Amino acid sequence: MRTDRWINAVGVLKTPTLNLLAAQVGGQGCLVMDGWCATDPKQVKAWEKDGTLLQRAKEANDQAAEASRKYEADKAANSGMPALASFEINEIYGGPSSRL
């Protein structure tokens, strides 16, 4: 398992779950999930237990991708826009927050 992707999730989620997320969820979704593990590990463990974790991670990845598309469209339309970190793009353009 690649652990460089996971900073907070390693101590929260089971190894098979981390492997499944890494294989089936995009990078942004994994980053958001890792943030959720830091801010509310009990909730994330509950999602793992009830089987909704993977779907929530995929939805977070989709939201992050949509926010990135909106940002890139605005950046193309408005030259001179600053470069933003992914969490800033998510905040401004409606992507998932790393905080639950």
PDB file of N, CA and C in Angstrom:
ATOM      1  N   MET A   1       0.847  -1.196   0.000  1.00  0.00           N
ATOM      2  CA  MET A   1       0.000   0.000   0.000  1.00  0.00           C
ATOM      3  C   MET A   1       0.881   1.244   0.000  1.00  0.00           C
ATOM      4  N   ARG A   2       0.531   2.215  -0.810  1.00  0.00           N
ATOM      5  CA  ARG A   2       1.225   3.502  -0.791  1.00  0.00           C
ATOM      6  C   ARG A   2       0.722   4.300   0.395  1.00  0.00           C
ATOM      7  N   THR A   3       1.599   4.604   1.327  1.00  0.00           N
ATOM      8  CA  THR A   3       1.170   5.372   2.494  1.00  0.00           C
ATOM      9  C   THR A   3       1.461   6.854   2.351  1.00  0.00           C
ATOM     10  N   ASP A   4       2.204   7.247   1.307  1.00  0.00           N
ATOM     11  CA  ASP A   4       2.500   8.668   1.135  1.00  0.00           C
ATOM     12  C   ASP A   4       1.260   9.486   0.838  1.00  0.00           C
ATOM     13  N   ARG A   5       0.212   8.840   0.352  1.00  0.00           N
ATOM     14  CA  ARG A   5      -1.045   9.525   0.060  1.00  0.00           C
ATOM     15  C   ARG A   5      -1.809   9.832   1.344  1.00  0.00           C
ATOM     16  N   TRP A   6      -1.583   9.027   2.362  1.00  0.00           N
ATOM     17  CA  TRP A   6      -2.355   9.108   3.595  1.00  0.00           C
ATOM     18  C   TRP A   6      -1.496   9.621   4.738  1.00  0.00           C
ATOM     19  N   ILE A   7      -1.899  10.706   5.326  1.00  0.00           N
ATOM     20  CA  ILE A   7      -1.220  11.242   6.505  1.00  0.00           C
ATOM     21  C   ILE A   7      -2.054  10.926   7.741  1.00  0.00           C
ATOM     22  N   ASN A   8      -3.316  11.250   7.690  1.00  0.00           N
ATOM     23  CA  ASN A   8      -4.216  11.083   8.828  1.00  0.00           C
ATOM     24  C   ASN A   8      -5.012   9.789   8.789  1.00  0.00           C
ATOM     25  N   ALA A   9      -5.286   9.292   7.606  1.00  0.00           N
ATOM     26  CA  ALA A   9      -6.181   8.144   7.461  1.00  0.00           C
ATOM     27  C   ALA A   9      -5.565   6.827   7.922  1.00  0.00           C
ATOM     28  N   VAL A  10      -4.238   6.736   7.942  1.00  0.00           N
ATOM     29  CA  VAL A  10      -3.580   5.485   8.303  1.00  0.00           C
ATOM     30  C   VAL A  10      -3.997   5.015   9.687  1.00  0.00           C
ATOM     31  N   GLY A  11      -4.138   5.907  10.627  1.00  0.00           N
ATOM     32  CA  GLY A  11      -4.536   5.526  11.969  1.00  0.00           C
ATOM     33  C   GLY A  11      -6.036   5.428  12.181  1.00  0.00           C
ATOM     34  N   VAL A  12      -6.804   5.760  11.157  1.00  0.00           N
ATOM     35  CA  VAL A  12      -8.264   5.797  11.295  1.00  0.00           C
ATOM     36  C   VAL A  12      -8.935   4.654  10.545  1.00  0.00           C
ATOM     37  N   LEU A  13      -8.537   4.446   9.305  1.00  0.00           N
ATOM     38  CA  LEU A  13      -9.177   3.453   8.450  1.00  0.00           C
ATOM     39  C   LEU A  13      -8.352   2.175   8.356  1.00  0.00           C
ATOM     40  N   LYS A  14      -9.027   1.091   8.067  1.00  0.00           N
ATOM     41  CA  LYS A  14      -8.369  -0.203   7.910  1.00  0.00           C
ATOM     42  C   LYS A  14      -7.576  -0.226   6.604  1.00  0.00           C
ATOM     43  N   THR A  15      -6.502  -1.013   6.572  1.00  0.00           N
ATOM     44  CA  THR A  15      -5.650  -1.100   5.389  1.00  0.00           C
ATOM     45  C   THR A  15      -6.424  -1.497   4.133  1.00  0.00           C
ATOM     46  N   PRO A  16      -7.323  -2.483   4.180  1.00  0.00           N
ATOM     47  CA  PRO A  16      -8.090  -2.803   2.962  1.00  0.00           C
ATOM     48  C   PRO A  16      -8.932  -1.616   2.465  1.00  0.00           C
ATOM     49  N   THR A  17      -9.449  -0.842   3.395  1.00  0.00           N
ATOM     50  CA  THR A  17     -10.233   0.337   3.009  1.00  0.00           C
ATOM     51  C   THR A  17      -9.345   1.363   2.332  1.00  0.00           C
ATOM     52  N   LEU A  18      -8.168   1.603   2.876  1.00  0.00           N
ATOM     53  CA  LEU A  18      -7.226   2.557   2.267  1.00  0.00           C
ATOM     54  C   LEU A  18      -6.834   2.102   0.870  1.00  0.00           C
ATOM     55  N   ASN A  19      -6.580   0.813   0.703  1.00  0.00           N
ATOM     56  CA  ASN A  19      -6.229   0.278  -0.617  1.00  0.00           C
ATOM     57  C   ASN A  19      -7.374   0.457  -1.605  1.00  0.00           C
ATOM     58  N   LEU A  20      -8.601   0.209  -1.152  1.00  0.00           N
ATOM     59  CA  LEU A  20      -9.775   0.374  -2.005  1.00  0.00           C
ATOM     60  C   LEU A  20      -9.943   1.837  -2.417  1.00  0.00           C
ATOM     61  N   LEU A  21      -9.816   2.742  -1.463  1.00  0.00           N
ATOM     62  CA  LEU A  21      -9.932   4.169  -1.776  1.00  0.00           C
ATOM     63  C   LEU A  21      -8.854   4.593  -2.768  1.00  0.00           C
ATOM     64  N   ALA A  22      -7.610   4.163  -2.531  1.00  0.00           N
ATOM     65  CA  ALA A  22      -6.508   4.535  -3.421  1.00  0.00           C
ATOM     66  C   ALA A  22      -6.743   4.020  -4.840  1.00  0.00           C
ATOM     67  N   ALA A  23      -7.350   2.848  -4.962  1.00  0.00           N
ATOM     68  CA  ALA A  23      -7.581   2.250  -6.269  1.00  0.00           C
ATOM     69  C   ALA A  23      -8.794   2.835  -7.001  1.00  0.00           C
ATOM     70  N   GLN A  24      -9.808   3.272  -6.255  1.00  0.00           N
ATOM     71  CA  GLN A  24     -11.073   3.633  -6.895  1.00  0.00           C
ATOM     72  C   GLN A  24     -11.454   5.105  -6.805  1.00  0.00           C
ATOM     73  N   VAL A  25     -10.683   5.889  -6.078  1.00  0.00           N
ATOM     74  CA  VAL A  25     -11.026   7.303  -5.898  1.00  0.00           C
ATOM     75  C   VAL A  25      -9.855   8.149  -6.403  1.00  0.00           C
ATOM     76  N   GLY A  26     -10.175   9.250  -7.058  1.00  0.00           N
ATOM     77  CA  GLY A  26      -9.133  10.134  -7.558  1.00  0.00           C
ATOM     78  C   GLY A  26      -8.348  10.802  -6.438  1.00  0.00           C
ATOM     79  N   GLY A  27      -7.263  11.427  -6.824  1.00  0.00           N
ATOM     80  CA  GLY A  27      -6.364  12.058  -5.861  1.00  0.00           C
ATOM     81  C   GLY A  27      -7.010  13.109  -4.982  1.00  0.00           C
ATOM     82  N   GLN A  28      -7.856  13.939  -5.563  1.00  0.00           N
ATOM     83  CA  GLN A  28      -8.517  14.971  -4.756  1.00  0.00           C
ATOM     84  C   GLN A  28      -9.446  14.357  -3.730  1.00  0.00           C
ATOM     85  N   GLY A  29     -10.174  13.333  -4.121  1.00  0.00           N
ATOM     86  CA  GLY A  29     -11.065  12.658  -3.184  1.00  0.00           C
ATOM     87  C   GLY A  29     -10.302  12.037  -2.031  1.00  0.00           C
ATOM     88  N   CYS A  30      -9.142  11.483  -2.333  1.00  0.00           N
ATOM     89  CA  CYS A  30      -8.309  10.899  -1.276  1.00  0.00           C
ATOM     90  C   CYS A  30      -7.774  11.980  -0.341  1.00  0.00           C
ATOM     91  N   LEU A  31      -7.391  13.122  -0.899  1.00  0.00           N
ATOM     92  CA  LEU A  31      -6.929  14.226  -0.050  1.00  0.00           C
ATOM     93  C   LEU A  31      -8.030  14.719   0.874  1.00  0.00           C
ATOM     94  N   VAL A  32      -9.227  14.839   0.346  1.00  0.00           N
ATOM     95  CA  VAL A  32     -10.361  15.271   1.154  1.00  0.00           C
ATOM     96  C   VAL A  32     -10.654  14.234   2.238  1.00  0.00           C
ATOM     97  N   MET A  33     -10.657  12.968   1.859  1.00  0.00           N
ATOM     98  CA  MET A  33     -10.905  11.905   2.837  1.00  0.00           C
ATOM     99  C   MET A  33      -9.852  11.935   3.938  1.00  0.00           C
ATOM    100  N   ASP A  34      -8.604  12.156   3.570  1.00  0.00           N
ATOM    101  CA  ASP A  34      -7.544  12.237   4.560  1.00  0.00           C
ATOM    102  C   ASP A  34      -7.791  13.410   5.516  1.00  0.00           C
ATOM    103  N   GLY A  35      -8.258  14.529   4.973  1.00  0.00           N
ATOM    104  CA  GLY A  35      -8.610  15.676   5.815  1.00  0.00           C
ATOM    105  C   GLY A  35      -9.766  15.370   6.740  1.00  0.00           C
ATOM    106  N   TRP A  36     -10.757  14.647   6.222  1.00  0.00           N
ATOM    107  CA  TRP A  36     -11.892  14.265   7.066  1.00  0.00           C
ATOM    108  C   TRP A  36     -11.446  13.364   8.208  1.00  0.00           C
ATOM    109  N   CYS A  37     -10.468  12.503   7.935  1.00  0.00           N
ATOM    110  CA  CYS A  37      -9.945  11.620   8.994  1.00  0.00           C
ATOM    111  C   CYS A  37      -9.292  12.436  10.108  1.00  0.00           C
ATOM    112  N   ALA A  38      -8.740  13.580   9.768  1.00  0.00           N
ATOM    113  CA  ALA A  38      -8.126  14.445  10.784  1.00  0.00           C
ATOM    114  C   ALA A  38      -9.168  15.219  11.567  1.00  0.00           C
ATOM    115  N   THR A  39     -10.222  15.674  10.885  1.00  0.00           N
ATOM    116  CA  THR A  39     -11.180  16.551  11.555  1.00  0.00           C
ATOM    117  C   THR A  39     -12.295  15.805  12.279  1.00  0.00           C
ATOM    118  N   ASP A  40     -12.672  14.626  11.789  1.00  0.00           N
ATOM    119  CA  ASP A  40     -13.749  13.878  12.437  1.00  0.00           C
ATOM    120  C   ASP A  40     -13.557  12.376  12.228  1.00  0.00           C
ATOM    121  N   PRO A  41     -12.542  11.804  12.857  1.00  0.00           N
ATOM    122  CA  PRO A  41     -12.258  10.381  12.631  1.00  0.00           C
ATOM    123  C   PRO A  41     -13.405   9.454  13.028  1.00  0.00           C
ATOM    124  N   LYS A  42     -14.184   9.813  14.043  1.00  0.00           N
ATOM    125  CA  LYS A  42     -15.305   8.959  14.451  1.00  0.00           C
ATOM    126  C   LYS A  42     -16.342   8.850  13.337  1.00  0.00           C
ATOM    127  N   GLN A  43     -16.627   9.971  12.682  1.00  0.00           N
ATOM    128  CA  GLN A  43     -17.606   9.962  11.591  1.00  0.00           C
ATOM    129  C   GLN A  43     -17.090   9.128  10.422  1.00  0.00           C
ATOM    130  N   VAL A  44     -15.835   9.281  10.094  1.00  0.00           N
ATOM    131  CA  VAL A  44     -15.257   8.529   8.979  1.00  0.00           C
ATOM    132  C   VAL A  44     -15.275   7.027   9.281  1.00  0.00           C
ATOM    133  N   LYS A  45     -14.957   6.659  10.518  1.00  0.00           N
ATOM    134  CA  LYS A  45     -15.031   5.244  10.906  1.00  0.00           C
ATOM    135  C   LYS A  45     -16.472   4.730  10.800  1.00  0.00           C
ATOM    136  N   ALA A  46     -17.436   5.565  11.154  1.00  0.00           N
ATOM    137  CA  ALA A  46     -18.846   5.163  11.046  1.00  0.00           C
ATOM    138  C   ALA A  46     -19.216   4.932   9.583  1.00  0.00           C
ATOM    139  N   TRP A  47     -18.723   5.778   8.664  1.00  0.00           N
ATOM    140  CA  TRP A  47     -18.983   5.587   7.242  1.00  0.00           C
ATOM    141  C   TRP A  47     -18.326   4.309   6.738  1.00  0.00           C
ATOM    142  N   GLU A  48     -17.128   4.024   7.242  1.00  0.00           N
ATOM    143  CA  GLU A  48     -16.455   2.783   6.862  1.00  0.00           C
ATOM    144  C   GLU A  48     -17.297   1.588   7.314  1.00  0.00           C
ATOM    145  N   LYS A  49     -17.806   1.672   8.519  1.00  0.00           N
ATOM    146  CA  LYS A  49     -18.589   0.570   9.084  1.00  0.00           C
ATOM    147  C   LYS A  49     -19.912   0.365   8.354  1.00  0.00           C
ATOM    148  N   ASP A  50     -20.596   1.478   8.001  1.00  0.00           N
ATOM    149  CA  ASP A  50     -21.906   1.321   7.348  1.00  0.00           C
ATOM    150  C   ASP A  50     -21.816   1.172   5.826  1.00  0.00           C
ATOM    151  N   GLY A  51     -20.604   1.214   5.282  1.00  0.00           N
ATOM    152  CA  GLY A  51     -20.409   0.966   3.856  1.00  0.00           C
ATOM    153  C   GLY A  51     -20.601   2.154   2.940  1.00  0.00           C
ATOM    154  N   THR A  52     -20.722   3.374   3.485  1.00  0.00           N
ATOM    155  CA  THR A  52     -20.951   4.553   2.641  1.00  0.00           C
ATOM    156  C   THR A  52     -19.676   5.346   2.349  1.00  0.00           C
ATOM    157  N   LEU A  53     -18.567   4.926   2.906  1.00  0.00           N
ATOM    158  CA  LEU A  53     -17.320   5.688   2.783  1.00  0.00           C
ATOM    159  C   LEU A  53     -16.865   5.846   1.334  1.00  0.00           C
ATOM    160  N   LEU A  54     -16.833   4.761   0.587  1.00  0.00           N
ATOM    161  CA  LEU A  54     -16.359   4.812  -0.795  1.00  0.00           C
ATOM    162  C   LEU A  54     -17.207   5.769  -1.627  1.00  0.00           C
ATOM    163  N   GLN A  55     -18.517   5.692  -1.502  1.00  0.00           N
ATOM    164  CA  GLN A  55     -19.393   6.583  -2.265  1.00  0.00           C
ATOM    165  C   GLN A  55     -19.159   8.039  -1.878  1.00  0.00           C
ATOM    166  N   ARG A  56     -18.995   8.316  -0.600  1.00  0.00           N
ATOM    167  CA  ARG A  56     -18.738   9.687  -0.150  1.00  0.00           C
ATOM    168  C   ARG A  56     -17.409  10.198  -0.697  1.00  0.00           C
ATOM    169  N   ALA A  57     -16.398   9.335  -0.738  1.00  0.00           N
ATOM    170  CA  ALA A  57     -15.094   9.729  -1.274  1.00  0.00           C
ATOM    171  C   ALA A  57     -15.187  10.018  -2.771  1.00  0.00           C
ATOM    172  N   LYS A  58     -15.952   9.195  -3.491  1.00  0.00           N
ATOM    173  CA  LYS A  58     -16.135   9.426  -4.926  1.00  0.00           C
ATOM    174  C   LYS A  58     -16.881  10.737  -5.174  1.00  0.00           C
ATOM    175  N   GLU A  59     -17.888  11.018  -4.361  1.00  0.00           N
ATOM    176  CA  GLU A  59     -18.629  12.277  -4.495  1.00  0.00           C
ATOM    177  C   GLU A  59     -17.716  13.467  -4.211  1.00  0.00           C
ATOM    178  N   ALA A  60     -16.859  13.345  -3.197  1.00  0.00           N
ATOM    179  CA  ALA A  60     -15.911  14.416  -2.886  1.00  0.00           C
ATOM    180  C   ALA A  60     -14.960  14.635  -4.051  1.00  0.00           C
ATOM    181  N   ASN A  61     -14.509  13.556  -4.675  1.00  0.00           N
ATOM    182  CA  ASN A  61     -13.615  13.669  -5.821  1.00  0.00           C
ATOM    183  C   ASN A  61     -14.310  14.374  -6.982  1.00  0.00           C
ATOM    184  N   ASP A  62     -15.575  14.016  -7.231  1.00  0.00           N
ATOM    185  CA  ASP A  62     -16.342  14.662  -8.302  1.00  0.00           C
ATOM    186  C   ASP A  62     -16.540  16.149  -8.022  1.00  0.00           C
ATOM    187  N   GLN A  63     -16.854  16.493  -6.773  1.00  0.00           N
ATOM    188  CA  GLN A  63     -17.034  17.903  -6.406  1.00  0.00           C
ATOM    189  C   GLN A  63     -15.729  18.678  -6.593  1.00  0.00           C
ATOM    190  N   ALA A  64     -14.624  18.067  -6.201  1.00  0.00           N
ATOM    191  CA  ALA A  64     -13.317  18.725  -6.351  1.00  0.00           C
ATOM    192  C   ALA A  64     -12.976  18.922  -7.828  1.00  0.00           C
ATOM    193  N   ALA A  65     -13.273  17.929  -8.652  1.00  0.00           N
ATOM    194  CA  ALA A  65     -13.012  18.034 -10.091  1.00  0.00           C
ATOM    195  C   ALA A  65     -13.850  19.150 -10.713  1.00  0.00           C
ATOM    196  N   GLU A  66     -15.110  19.238 -10.313  1.00  0.00           N
ATOM    197  CA  GLU A  66     -15.980  20.303 -10.829  1.00  0.00           C
ATOM    198  C   GLU A  66     -15.479  21.680 -10.393  1.00  0.00           C
ATOM    199  N   ALA A  67     -15.065  21.804  -9.151  1.00  0.00           N
ATOM    200  CA  ALA A  67     -14.514  23.078  -8.664  1.00  0.00           C
ATOM    201  C   ALA A  67     -13.262  23.444  -9.449  1.00  0.00           C
ATOM    202  N   SER A  68     -12.415  22.468  -9.736  1.00  0.00           N
ATOM    203  CA  SER A  68     -11.193  22.729 -10.517  1.00  0.00           C
ATOM    204  C   SER A  68     -11.534  23.172 -11.931  1.00  0.00           C
ATOM    205  N   ARG A  69     -12.553  22.551 -12.542  1.00  0.00           N
ATOM    206  CA  ARG A  69     -12.981  22.966 -13.886  1.00  0.00           C
ATOM    207  C   ARG A  69     -13.465  24.419 -13.877  1.00  0.00           C
ATOM    208  N   LYS A  70     -14.262  24.767 -12.871  1.00  0.00           N
ATOM    209  CA  LYS A  70     -14.756  26.149 -12.776  1.00  0.00           C
ATOM    210  C   LYS A  70     -13.599  27.129 -12.611  1.00  0.00           C
ATOM    211  N   TYR A  71     -12.644  26.777 -11.770  1.00  0.00           N
ATOM    212  CA  TYR A  71     -11.477  27.632 -11.546  1.00  0.00           C
ATOM    213  C   TYR A  71     -10.685  27.803 -12.841  1.00  0.00           C
ATOM    214  N   GLU A  72     -10.443  26.705 -13.542  1.00  0.00           N
ATOM    215  CA  GLU A  72      -9.669  26.782 -14.784  1.00  0.00           C
ATOM    216  C   GLU A  72     -10.387  27.616 -15.830  1.00  0.00           C
ATOM    217  N   ALA A  73     -11.712  27.518 -15.890  1.00  0.00           N
ATOM    218  CA  ALA A  73     -12.481  28.329 -16.837  1.00  0.00           C
ATOM    219  C   ALA A  73     -12.375  29.806 -16.482  1.00  0.00           C
ATOM    220  N   ASP A  74     -12.482  30.125 -15.200  1.00  0.00           N
ATOM    221  CA  ASP A  74     -12.334  31.518 -14.771  1.00  0.00           C
ATOM    222  C   ASP A  74     -10.915  32.025 -15.038  1.00  0.00           C
ATOM    223  N   LYS A  75      -9.943  31.178 -14.789  1.00  0.00           N
ATOM    224  CA  LYS A  75      -8.539  31.551 -15.001  1.00  0.00           C
ATOM    225  C   LYS A  75      -8.282  31.842 -16.476  1.00  0.00           C
ATOM    226  N   ALA A  76      -8.871  31.022 -17.360  1.00  0.00           N
ATOM    227  CA  ALA A  76      -8.703  31.242 -18.794  1.00  0.00           C
ATOM    228  C   ALA A  76      -9.386  32.532 -19.234  1.00  0.00           C
ATOM    229  N   ALA A  77     -10.522  32.839 -18.629  1.00  0.00           N
ATOM    230  CA  ALA A  77     -11.277  34.040 -18.995  1.00  0.00           C
ATOM    231  C   ALA A  77     -10.668  35.312 -18.406  1.00  0.00           C
ATOM    232  N   ASN A  78      -9.972  35.184 -17.302  1.00  0.00           N
ATOM    233  CA  ASN A  78      -9.422  36.343 -16.606  1.00  0.00           C
ATOM    234  C   ASN A  78      -7.923  36.161 -16.400  1.00  0.00           C
ATOM    235  N   SER A  79      -7.158  36.546 -17.397  1.00  0.00           N
ATOM    236  CA  SER A  79      -5.711  36.407 -17.229  1.00  0.00           C
ATOM    237  C   SER A  79      -5.278  37.246 -16.030  1.00  0.00           C
ATOM    238  N   GLY A  80      -4.303  36.767 -15.330  1.00  0.00           N
ATOM    239  CA  GLY A  80      -3.844  37.484 -14.146  1.00  0.00           C
ATOM    240  C   GLY A  80      -4.436  36.959 -12.855  1.00  0.00           C
ATOM    241  N   MET A  81      -5.292  35.927 -12.954  1.00  0.00           N
ATOM    242  CA  MET A  81      -5.814  35.318 -11.724  1.00  0.00           C
ATOM    243  C   MET A  81      -4.684  34.621 -10.990  1.00  0.00           C
ATOM    244  N   PRO A  82      -4.698  34.675  -9.678  1.00  0.00           N
ATOM    245  CA  PRO A  82      -3.624  34.023  -8.926  1.00  0.00           C
ATOM    246  C   PRO A  82      -3.749  32.504  -8.951  1.00  0.00           C
ATOM    247  N   ALA A  83      -2.626  31.860  -8.769  1.00  0.00           N
ATOM    248  CA  ALA A  83      -2.647  30.406  -8.603  1.00  0.00           C
ATOM    249  C   ALA A  83      -3.206  30.117  -7.215  1.00  0.00           C
ATOM    250  N   LEU A  84      -4.063  29.125  -7.128  1.00  0.00           N
ATOM    251  CA  LEU A  84      -4.682  28.784  -5.854  1.00  0.00           C
ATOM    252  C   LEU A  84      -4.369  27.336  -5.487  1.00  0.00           C
ATOM    253  N   ALA A  85      -4.285  27.076  -4.198  1.00  0.00           N
ATOM    254  CA  ALA A  85      -4.143  25.709  -3.707  1.00  0.00           C
ATOM    255  C   ALA A  85      -5.477  24.997  -3.861  1.00  0.00           C
ATOM    256  N   SER A  86      -5.442  23.669  -3.892  1.00  0.00           N
ATOM    257  CA  SER A  86      -6.677  22.914  -4.119  1.00  0.00           C
ATOM    258  C   SER A  86      -7.733  23.198  -3.055  1.00  0.00           C
ATOM    259  N   PHE A  87      -7.321  23.387  -1.792  1.00  0.00           N
ATOM    260  CA  PHE A  87      -8.324  23.662  -0.758  1.00  0.00           C
ATOM    261  C   PHE A  87      -8.957  25.035  -0.975  1.00  0.00           C
ATOM    262  N   GLU A  88      -8.188  25.986  -1.524  1.00  0.00           N
ATOM    263  CA  GLU A  88      -8.750  27.302  -1.821  1.00  0.00           C
ATOM    264  C   GLU A  88      -9.728  27.221  -2.991  1.00  0.00           C
ATOM    265  N   ILE A  89      -9.374  26.443  -4.001  1.00  0.00           N
ATOM    266  CA  ILE A  89     -10.271  26.249  -5.139  1.00  0.00           C
ATOM    267  C   ILE A  89     -11.577  25.621  -4.664  1.00  0.00           C
ATOM    268  N   ASN A  90     -11.474  24.614  -3.802  1.00  0.00           N
ATOM    269  CA  ASN A  90     -12.677  23.965  -3.290  1.00  0.00           C
ATOM    270  C   ASN A  90     -13.539  24.934  -2.496  1.00  0.00           C
ATOM    271  N   GLU A  91     -12.913  25.767  -1.680  1.00  0.00           N
ATOM    272  CA  GLU A  91     -13.672  26.743  -0.888  1.00  0.00           C
ATOM    273  C   GLU A  91     -14.401  27.739  -1.774  1.00  0.00           C
ATOM    274  N   ILE A  92     -13.703  28.267  -2.750  1.00  0.00           N
ATOM    275  CA  ILE A  92     -14.256  29.328  -3.581  1.00  0.00           C
ATOM    276  C   ILE A  92     -15.266  28.795  -4.597  1.00  0.00           C
ATOM    277  N   TYR A  93     -14.980  27.624  -5.177  1.00  0.00           N
ATOM    278  CA  TYR A  93     -15.784  27.127  -6.290  1.00  0.00           C
ATOM    279  C   TYR A  93     -16.720  25.980  -5.916  1.00  0.00           C
ATOM    280  N   GLY A  94     -16.935  25.749  -4.635  1.00  0.00           N
ATOM    281  CA  GLY A  94     -17.938  24.785  -4.210  1.00  0.00           C
ATOM    282  C   GLY A  94     -17.499  23.342  -4.135  1.00  0.00           C
ATOM    283  N   GLY A  95     -16.205  23.117  -4.067  1.00  0.00           N
ATOM    284  CA  GLY A  95     -15.721  21.745  -3.897  1.00  0.00           C
ATOM    285  C   GLY A  95     -15.827  21.345  -2.429  1.00  0.00           C
ATOM    286  N   PRO A  96     -15.447  20.127  -2.118  1.00  0.00           N
ATOM    287  CA  PRO A  96     -15.564  19.645  -0.744  1.00  0.00           C
ATOM    288  C   PRO A  96     -14.526  20.287   0.171  1.00  0.00           C
ATOM    289  N   SER A  97     -14.906  20.506   1.375  1.00  0.00           N
ATOM    290  CA  SER A  97     -13.981  21.015   2.387  1.00  0.00           C
ATOM    291  C   SER A  97     -13.283  19.831   3.014  1.00  0.00           C
ATOM    292  N   SER A  98     -12.063  20.033   3.478  1.00  0.00           N
ATOM    293  CA  SER A  98     -11.370  18.950   4.167  1.00  0.00           C
ATOM    294  C   SER A  98     -11.867  18.818   5.603  1.00  0.00           C
ATOM    295  N   ARG A  99     -12.727  19.747   6.010  1.00  0.00           N
ATOM    296  CA  ARG A  99     -13.302  19.703   7.347  1.00  0.00           C
ATOM    297  C   ARG A  99     -14.756  19.284   7.245  1.00  0.00           C
ATOM    298  N   LEU A 100     -15.140  18.377   8.118  1.00  0.00           N
ATOM    299  CA  LEU A 100     -16.545  17.953   8.147  1.00  0.00           C
ATOM    300  C   LEU A 100     -17.360  18.922   8.964  1.00  0.00           C
TER     301      LEU A 100
END
